[in-house]
């Protein structure tokens, strides 16, 4: 998804008829806009009179895609912050879905793009601090 599509989706949903939020904000605001559209969808069968239009539903999907990208970019920073604060690789593995043990957590972090410097150098998981 390109930045223009994401911005267009944000503009449509932020401050739109389904929003109780003020325009502006960052990813947390986008998540709230998405949650409001989802709430309308989940109450649709119970007779809610406010349902998302096709344009609003598509904009919510665009926000979802953008938020996925943001979350994927955020994970390595949070893992690094946890490690710098003293968390063990086992503790990191315990909170990441689909990560069975410390070694898997190390390998996952090694494969992720570093948001600051690019890909991590190819090294054994044991060499990762």
N, C-alpha and C. Protein backbone atom coordinates (compact mmCIF):
# COMPACT_ATOMS: atom_id res chain seq x y z
N UNK A 1 0.85 -1.16 0.00
CA UNK A 1 0.00 0.00 0.00
C UNK A 1 0.90 1.24 0.00
N UNK A 2 0.51 2.21 -0.81
CA UNK A 2 1.32 3.42 -0.83
C UNK A 2 0.79 4.43 0.19
N UNK A 3 1.63 5.42 0.46
CA UNK A 3 1.31 6.41 1.48
C UNK A 3 0.05 7.21 1.14
N UNK A 4 -0.16 7.49 -0.13
CA UNK A 4 -1.34 8.28 -0.54
C UNK A 4 -2.64 7.53 -0.22
N UNK A 5 -2.66 6.23 -0.45
CA UNK A 5 -3.86 5.44 -0.13
C UNK A 5 -4.12 5.45 1.37
N UNK A 6 -3.06 5.30 2.13
CA UNK A 6 -3.20 5.28 3.59
C UNK A 6 -3.73 6.62 4.08
N UNK A 7 -3.17 7.72 3.57
CA UNK A 7 -3.61 9.05 3.98
C UNK A 7 -5.06 9.29 3.59
N UNK A 8 -5.45 8.86 2.41
CA UNK A 8 -6.84 9.02 1.97
C UNK A 8 -7.79 8.25 2.90
N UNK A 9 -7.40 7.05 3.28
CA UNK A 9 -8.23 6.26 4.20
C UNK A 9 -8.33 6.94 5.56
N UNK A 10 -7.22 7.46 6.05
CA UNK A 10 -7.23 8.16 7.34
C UNK A 10 -8.16 9.37 7.28
N UNK A 11 -8.03 10.14 6.20
CA UNK A 11 -8.85 11.34 6.07
C UNK A 11 -10.34 11.01 6.05
N UNK A 12 -10.68 9.90 5.39
CA UNK A 12 -12.08 9.51 5.30
C UNK A 12 -12.63 9.10 6.67
N UNK A 13 -11.87 8.32 7.41
CA UNK A 13 -12.38 7.78 8.67
C UNK A 13 -12.20 8.71 9.85
N UNK A 14 -11.15 9.50 9.88
CA UNK A 14 -10.93 10.41 11.01
C UNK A 14 -11.88 11.59 10.88
N UNK A 15 -12.71 11.74 11.85
CA UNK A 15 -13.65 12.85 11.82
C UNK A 15 -14.86 12.59 10.94
N UNK A 16 -14.97 11.38 10.40
CA UNK A 16 -16.11 11.03 9.55
C UNK A 16 -17.34 10.71 10.39
N UNK A 17 -18.39 10.29 9.74
CA UNK A 17 -19.66 10.08 10.43
C UNK A 17 -19.61 8.95 11.46
N UNK A 18 -18.67 8.01 11.33
CA UNK A 18 -18.56 6.91 12.29
C UNK A 18 -17.62 7.24 13.43
N UNK A 19 -16.88 8.34 13.33
CA UNK A 19 -15.83 8.65 14.29
C UNK A 19 -16.33 9.52 15.43
N UNK A 20 -15.89 9.17 16.63
CA UNK A 20 -16.13 10.04 17.78
C UNK A 20 -14.82 10.72 18.17
N UNK A 21 -13.81 10.55 17.32
CA UNK A 21 -12.49 11.12 17.58
C UNK A 21 -12.31 12.39 16.78
N UNK A 22 -11.38 13.21 17.22
CA UNK A 22 -11.03 14.41 16.47
C UNK A 22 -10.02 14.04 15.40
N UNK A 23 -10.02 14.73 14.25
CA UNK A 23 -9.04 14.44 13.20
C UNK A 23 -7.61 14.60 13.72
N UNK A 24 -6.69 13.91 13.08
CA UNK A 24 -5.29 13.98 13.48
C UNK A 24 -4.87 12.69 14.16
N UNK A 25 -3.80 12.74 14.89
CA UNK A 25 -3.33 11.57 15.62
C UNK A 25 -2.48 10.67 14.77
N UNK A 26 -1.93 9.66 15.39
CA UNK A 26 -1.04 8.72 14.71
C UNK A 26 -1.66 7.35 14.62
N UNK A 27 -0.80 6.35 14.76
CA UNK A 27 -1.25 4.96 14.60
C UNK A 27 -2.29 4.56 15.64
N UNK A 28 -2.16 5.06 16.87
CA UNK A 28 -3.15 4.73 17.90
C UNK A 28 -4.52 5.27 17.49
N UNK A 29 -4.53 6.44 16.92
CA UNK A 29 -5.78 7.04 16.44
C UNK A 29 -6.35 6.22 15.28
N UNK A 30 -5.47 5.75 14.40
CA UNK A 30 -5.91 4.90 13.29
C UNK A 30 -6.54 3.61 13.82
N UNK A 31 -5.94 3.04 14.85
CA UNK A 31 -6.48 1.81 15.44
C UNK A 31 -7.86 2.05 16.02
N UNK A 32 -8.06 3.20 16.64
CA UNK A 32 -9.38 3.53 17.20
C UNK A 32 -10.41 3.72 16.08
N UNK A 33 -10.01 4.36 15.00
CA UNK A 33 -10.92 4.53 13.86
C UNK A 33 -11.32 3.16 13.31
N UNK A 34 -10.35 2.28 13.19
CA UNK A 34 -10.62 0.93 12.70
C UNK A 34 -11.55 0.20 13.67
N UNK A 35 -11.33 0.35 14.96
CA UNK A 35 -12.18 -0.30 15.96
C UNK A 35 -13.62 0.21 15.87
N UNK A 36 -13.81 1.48 15.58
CA UNK A 36 -15.16 2.02 15.46
C UNK A 36 -15.89 1.42 14.26
N UNK A 37 -15.19 1.26 13.14
CA UNK A 37 -15.80 0.62 11.98
C UNK A 37 -16.14 -0.83 12.30
N UNK A 38 -15.22 -1.53 12.96
CA UNK A 38 -15.48 -2.93 13.34
C UNK A 38 -16.66 -3.04 14.29
N UNK A 39 -16.79 -2.10 15.22
CA UNK A 39 -17.92 -2.12 16.15
C UNK A 39 -19.23 -1.99 15.40
N UNK A 40 -19.25 -1.14 14.40
CA UNK A 40 -20.47 -1.00 13.59
C UNK A 40 -20.77 -2.29 12.84
N UNK A 41 -19.75 -2.95 12.35
CA UNK A 41 -19.94 -4.21 11.62
C UNK A 41 -20.45 -5.31 12.54
N UNK A 42 -19.92 -5.37 13.76
CA UNK A 42 -20.30 -6.45 14.67
C UNK A 42 -21.70 -6.27 15.23
N UNK A 43 -22.20 -5.05 15.25
CA UNK A 43 -23.55 -4.82 15.75
C UNK A 43 -24.57 -4.75 14.63
N UNK A 44 -24.13 -4.92 13.41
CA UNK A 44 -25.01 -4.85 12.25
C UNK A 44 -26.17 -5.84 12.35
N UNK A 45 -25.87 -7.05 12.76
CA UNK A 45 -26.90 -8.07 12.85
C UNK A 45 -27.88 -7.80 14.00
N UNK A 46 -27.46 -6.97 14.95
CA UNK A 46 -28.36 -6.69 16.07
C UNK A 46 -29.24 -5.46 15.81
N UNK A 47 -29.24 -5.00 14.56
CA UNK A 47 -30.13 -3.91 14.21
C UNK A 47 -29.55 -2.51 14.38
N UNK A 48 -28.25 -2.39 14.46
CA UNK A 48 -27.63 -1.08 14.56
C UNK A 48 -27.94 -0.27 13.30
N UNK A 49 -28.37 0.96 13.49
CA UNK A 49 -28.75 1.77 12.34
C UNK A 49 -27.55 2.42 11.65
N UNK A 50 -26.39 2.38 12.27
CA UNK A 50 -25.20 2.97 11.67
C UNK A 50 -24.29 1.84 11.21
N UNK A 51 -24.19 1.67 9.92
CA UNK A 51 -23.29 0.66 9.36
C UNK A 51 -22.32 1.36 8.42
N UNK A 52 -21.13 0.82 8.26
CA UNK A 52 -20.16 1.47 7.38
C UNK A 52 -20.59 1.37 5.92
N UNK A 53 -20.30 2.43 5.19
CA UNK A 53 -20.53 2.40 3.75
C UNK A 53 -19.43 1.57 3.11
N UNK A 54 -19.57 1.28 1.83
CA UNK A 54 -18.53 0.55 1.11
C UNK A 54 -17.21 1.32 1.19
N UNK A 55 -17.27 2.63 0.99
CA UNK A 55 -16.07 3.46 1.03
C UNK A 55 -15.41 3.41 2.43
N UNK A 56 -16.22 3.47 3.47
CA UNK A 56 -15.69 3.41 4.84
C UNK A 56 -15.09 2.05 5.15
N UNK A 57 -15.73 0.98 4.70
CA UNK A 57 -15.21 -0.36 4.94
C UNK A 57 -13.88 -0.56 4.20
N UNK A 58 -13.79 -0.07 2.96
CA UNK A 58 -12.54 -0.18 2.21
C UNK A 58 -11.45 0.68 2.85
N UNK A 59 -11.82 1.85 3.35
CA UNK A 59 -10.85 2.70 4.03
C UNK A 59 -10.35 2.01 5.29
N UNK A 60 -11.23 1.33 6.01
CA UNK A 60 -10.83 0.59 7.20
C UNK A 60 -9.85 -0.52 6.85
N UNK A 61 -10.07 -1.20 5.72
CA UNK A 61 -9.13 -2.23 5.27
C UNK A 61 -7.76 -1.62 4.95
N UNK A 62 -7.77 -0.44 4.35
CA UNK A 62 -6.50 0.24 4.05
C UNK A 62 -5.78 0.60 5.35
N UNK A 63 -6.54 1.09 6.35
CA UNK A 63 -5.92 1.38 7.65
C UNK A 63 -5.35 0.13 8.28
N UNK A 64 -6.07 -0.96 8.17
CA UNK A 64 -5.61 -2.23 8.73
C UNK A 64 -4.27 -2.63 8.11
N UNK A 65 -4.15 -2.50 6.79
CA UNK A 65 -2.90 -2.84 6.13
C UNK A 65 -1.76 -1.93 6.61
N UNK A 66 -2.04 -0.65 6.74
CA UNK A 66 -1.03 0.28 7.23
C UNK A 66 -0.62 0.01 8.66
N UNK A 67 -1.59 -0.35 9.49
CA UNK A 67 -1.28 -0.66 10.89
C UNK A 67 -0.46 -1.94 11.00
N UNK A 68 -0.73 -2.91 10.12
CA UNK A 68 0.08 -4.14 10.11
C UNK A 68 1.54 -3.81 9.83
N UNK A 69 1.76 -2.95 8.83
CA UNK A 69 3.13 -2.54 8.50
C UNK A 69 3.78 -1.87 9.70
N UNK A 70 3.04 -0.96 10.35
CA UNK A 70 3.58 -0.23 11.50
C UNK A 70 3.91 -1.20 12.64
N UNK A 71 3.03 -2.16 12.90
CA UNK A 71 3.28 -3.13 13.96
C UNK A 71 4.50 -3.98 13.64
N UNK A 72 4.63 -4.40 12.38
CA UNK A 72 5.80 -5.19 11.99
C UNK A 72 7.09 -4.40 12.16
N UNK A 73 7.05 -3.10 11.88
CA UNK A 73 8.22 -2.25 12.07
C UNK A 73 8.49 -1.99 13.55
N UNK A 74 7.44 -2.04 14.37
CA UNK A 74 7.59 -1.74 15.79
C UNK A 74 8.15 -2.90 16.60
N UNK A 75 7.88 -4.12 16.18
CA UNK A 75 8.31 -5.27 16.97
C UNK A 75 9.81 -5.29 17.25
N UNK A 76 10.68 -5.10 16.25
CA UNK A 76 12.11 -5.15 16.55
C UNK A 76 12.54 -4.08 17.56
N UNK A 77 11.95 -2.91 17.48
CA UNK A 77 12.31 -1.85 18.44
C UNK A 77 11.89 -2.24 19.85
N UNK A 78 10.72 -2.86 19.97
CA UNK A 78 10.25 -3.28 21.29
C UNK A 78 11.06 -4.44 21.84
N UNK A 79 11.43 -5.36 20.97
CA UNK A 79 12.29 -6.47 21.40
C UNK A 79 13.62 -5.91 21.88
N UNK A 80 14.21 -4.99 21.11
CA UNK A 80 15.48 -4.40 21.51
C UNK A 80 15.35 -3.64 22.84
N UNK A 81 14.24 -2.91 23.01
CA UNK A 81 14.03 -2.17 24.26
C UNK A 81 13.90 -3.12 25.44
N UNK A 82 13.17 -4.22 25.25
CA UNK A 82 13.02 -5.20 26.32
C UNK A 82 14.37 -5.81 26.68
N UNK A 83 15.15 -6.15 25.66
CA UNK A 83 16.48 -6.74 25.92
C UNK A 83 17.39 -5.74 26.63
N UNK A 84 17.36 -4.49 26.17
CA UNK A 84 18.20 -3.46 26.80
C UNK A 84 17.79 -3.22 28.25
N UNK A 85 16.50 -3.45 28.55
CA UNK A 85 16.01 -3.27 29.92
C UNK A 85 16.27 -4.50 30.79
N UNK A 86 16.86 -5.55 30.20
CA UNK A 86 17.24 -6.72 30.99
C UNK A 86 16.39 -7.96 30.77
N UNK A 87 15.42 -7.92 29.86
CA UNK A 87 14.60 -9.11 29.60
C UNK A 87 15.46 -10.19 28.94
N UNK A 88 15.23 -11.42 29.33
CA UNK A 88 15.93 -12.55 28.72
C UNK A 88 15.26 -12.89 27.41
N UNK A 89 15.97 -13.63 26.57
CA UNK A 89 15.36 -14.09 25.32
C UNK A 89 14.18 -15.02 25.62
N UNK A 90 14.25 -15.75 26.70
CA UNK A 90 13.12 -16.62 27.09
C UNK A 90 11.89 -15.80 27.43
N UNK A 91 12.08 -14.68 28.12
CA UNK A 91 10.96 -13.80 28.45
C UNK A 91 10.37 -13.19 27.18
N UNK A 92 11.23 -12.80 26.25
CA UNK A 92 10.76 -12.25 24.97
C UNK A 92 9.95 -13.31 24.23
N UNK A 93 10.46 -14.53 24.19
CA UNK A 93 9.75 -15.62 23.49
C UNK A 93 8.39 -15.86 24.11
N UNK A 94 8.29 -15.69 25.42
CA UNK A 94 7.04 -15.95 26.11
C UNK A 94 5.89 -15.02 25.73
N UNK A 95 6.20 -13.85 25.19
CA UNK A 95 5.13 -12.91 24.83
C UNK A 95 4.91 -12.78 23.33
N UNK A 96 5.76 -13.40 22.53
CA UNK A 96 5.59 -13.33 21.08
C UNK A 96 4.81 -14.55 20.59
N UNK A 97 3.74 -14.33 19.83
CA UNK A 97 2.96 -15.46 19.33
C UNK A 97 3.77 -16.30 18.34
N UNK A 98 3.65 -17.60 18.49
CA UNK A 98 4.32 -18.52 17.58
C UNK A 98 5.80 -18.68 17.81
N UNK A 99 6.32 -18.15 18.91
CA UNK A 99 7.74 -18.27 19.22
C UNK A 99 7.88 -19.23 20.40
N UNK A 100 8.48 -20.37 20.15
CA UNK A 100 8.48 -21.46 21.13
C UNK A 100 9.51 -21.29 22.24
N UNK A 101 10.68 -20.72 21.92
CA UNK A 101 11.73 -20.66 22.93
C UNK A 101 12.69 -19.51 22.63
N UNK A 102 13.70 -19.36 23.48
CA UNK A 102 14.63 -18.24 23.36
C UNK A 102 15.36 -18.25 22.02
N UNK A 103 15.72 -19.43 21.57
CA UNK A 103 16.44 -19.54 20.30
C UNK A 103 15.57 -19.07 19.14
N UNK A 104 14.30 -19.44 19.15
CA UNK A 104 13.38 -18.99 18.10
C UNK A 104 13.20 -17.47 18.15
N UNK A 105 13.16 -16.91 19.35
CA UNK A 105 13.04 -15.45 19.49
C UNK A 105 14.28 -14.76 18.92
N UNK A 106 15.45 -15.32 19.20
CA UNK A 106 16.69 -14.75 18.67
C UNK A 106 16.71 -14.82 17.15
N UNK A 107 16.31 -15.95 16.60
CA UNK A 107 16.31 -16.11 15.15
C UNK A 107 15.29 -15.17 14.49
N UNK A 108 14.14 -15.03 15.11
CA UNK A 108 13.12 -14.13 14.57
C UNK A 108 13.65 -12.69 14.54
N UNK A 109 14.29 -12.26 15.62
CA UNK A 109 14.82 -10.91 15.66
C UNK A 109 15.93 -10.73 14.64
N UNK A 110 16.73 -11.74 14.45
CA UNK A 110 17.82 -11.65 13.47
C UNK A 110 17.28 -11.48 12.06
N UNK A 111 16.16 -12.13 11.75
CA UNK A 111 15.58 -12.05 10.41
C UNK A 111 14.88 -10.71 10.14
N UNK A 112 14.48 -10.02 11.20
CA UNK A 112 13.75 -8.78 11.02
C UNK A 112 14.67 -7.66 10.57
N UNK A 113 14.10 -6.79 9.78
CA UNK A 113 14.84 -5.61 9.33
C UNK A 113 15.00 -4.68 10.52
N UNK A 114 16.19 -4.20 10.74
CA UNK A 114 16.43 -3.23 11.80
C UNK A 114 15.89 -1.88 11.34
N UNK A 115 14.93 -1.27 12.07
CA UNK A 115 14.34 -0.02 11.62
C UNK A 115 15.34 1.14 11.57
N UNK A 116 16.50 0.95 12.17
CA UNK A 116 17.49 2.03 12.21
C UNK A 116 18.61 1.84 11.20
N UNK A 117 19.05 0.61 11.01
CA UNK A 117 20.24 0.41 10.20
C UNK A 117 20.07 -0.59 9.07
N UNK A 118 18.91 -1.15 8.89
CA UNK A 118 18.72 -2.15 7.85
C UNK A 118 18.82 -3.55 8.43
N UNK A 119 18.99 -4.56 7.57
CA UNK A 119 19.04 -5.94 8.05
C UNK A 119 20.18 -6.16 9.04
N UNK A 120 19.93 -7.02 9.99
CA UNK A 120 20.98 -7.39 10.93
C UNK A 120 22.01 -8.24 10.20
N UNK A 121 23.27 -8.19 10.62
CA UNK A 121 24.29 -9.02 9.98
C UNK A 121 23.96 -10.50 10.18
N UNK A 122 24.36 -11.30 9.25
CA UNK A 122 24.12 -12.73 9.34
C UNK A 122 25.04 -13.29 10.42
N UNK A 123 24.44 -13.77 11.48
CA UNK A 123 25.23 -14.33 12.58
C UNK A 123 24.41 -15.40 13.29
N UNK A 124 25.06 -16.20 14.07
CA UNK A 124 24.36 -17.25 14.79
C UNK A 124 23.49 -16.62 15.87
N UNK A 125 22.36 -17.27 16.21
CA UNK A 125 21.49 -16.73 17.26
C UNK A 125 22.22 -16.53 18.58
N UNK A 126 23.21 -17.38 18.88
CA UNK A 126 23.93 -17.25 20.13
C UNK A 126 24.77 -15.98 20.20
N UNK A 127 25.09 -15.40 19.04
CA UNK A 127 25.91 -14.19 19.01
C UNK A 127 25.07 -12.94 19.25
N UNK A 128 23.74 -13.06 19.18
CA UNK A 128 22.88 -11.90 19.42
C UNK A 128 22.82 -11.65 20.91
N UNK A 129 23.13 -10.44 21.36
CA UNK A 129 23.14 -10.18 22.82
C UNK A 129 21.79 -10.39 23.46
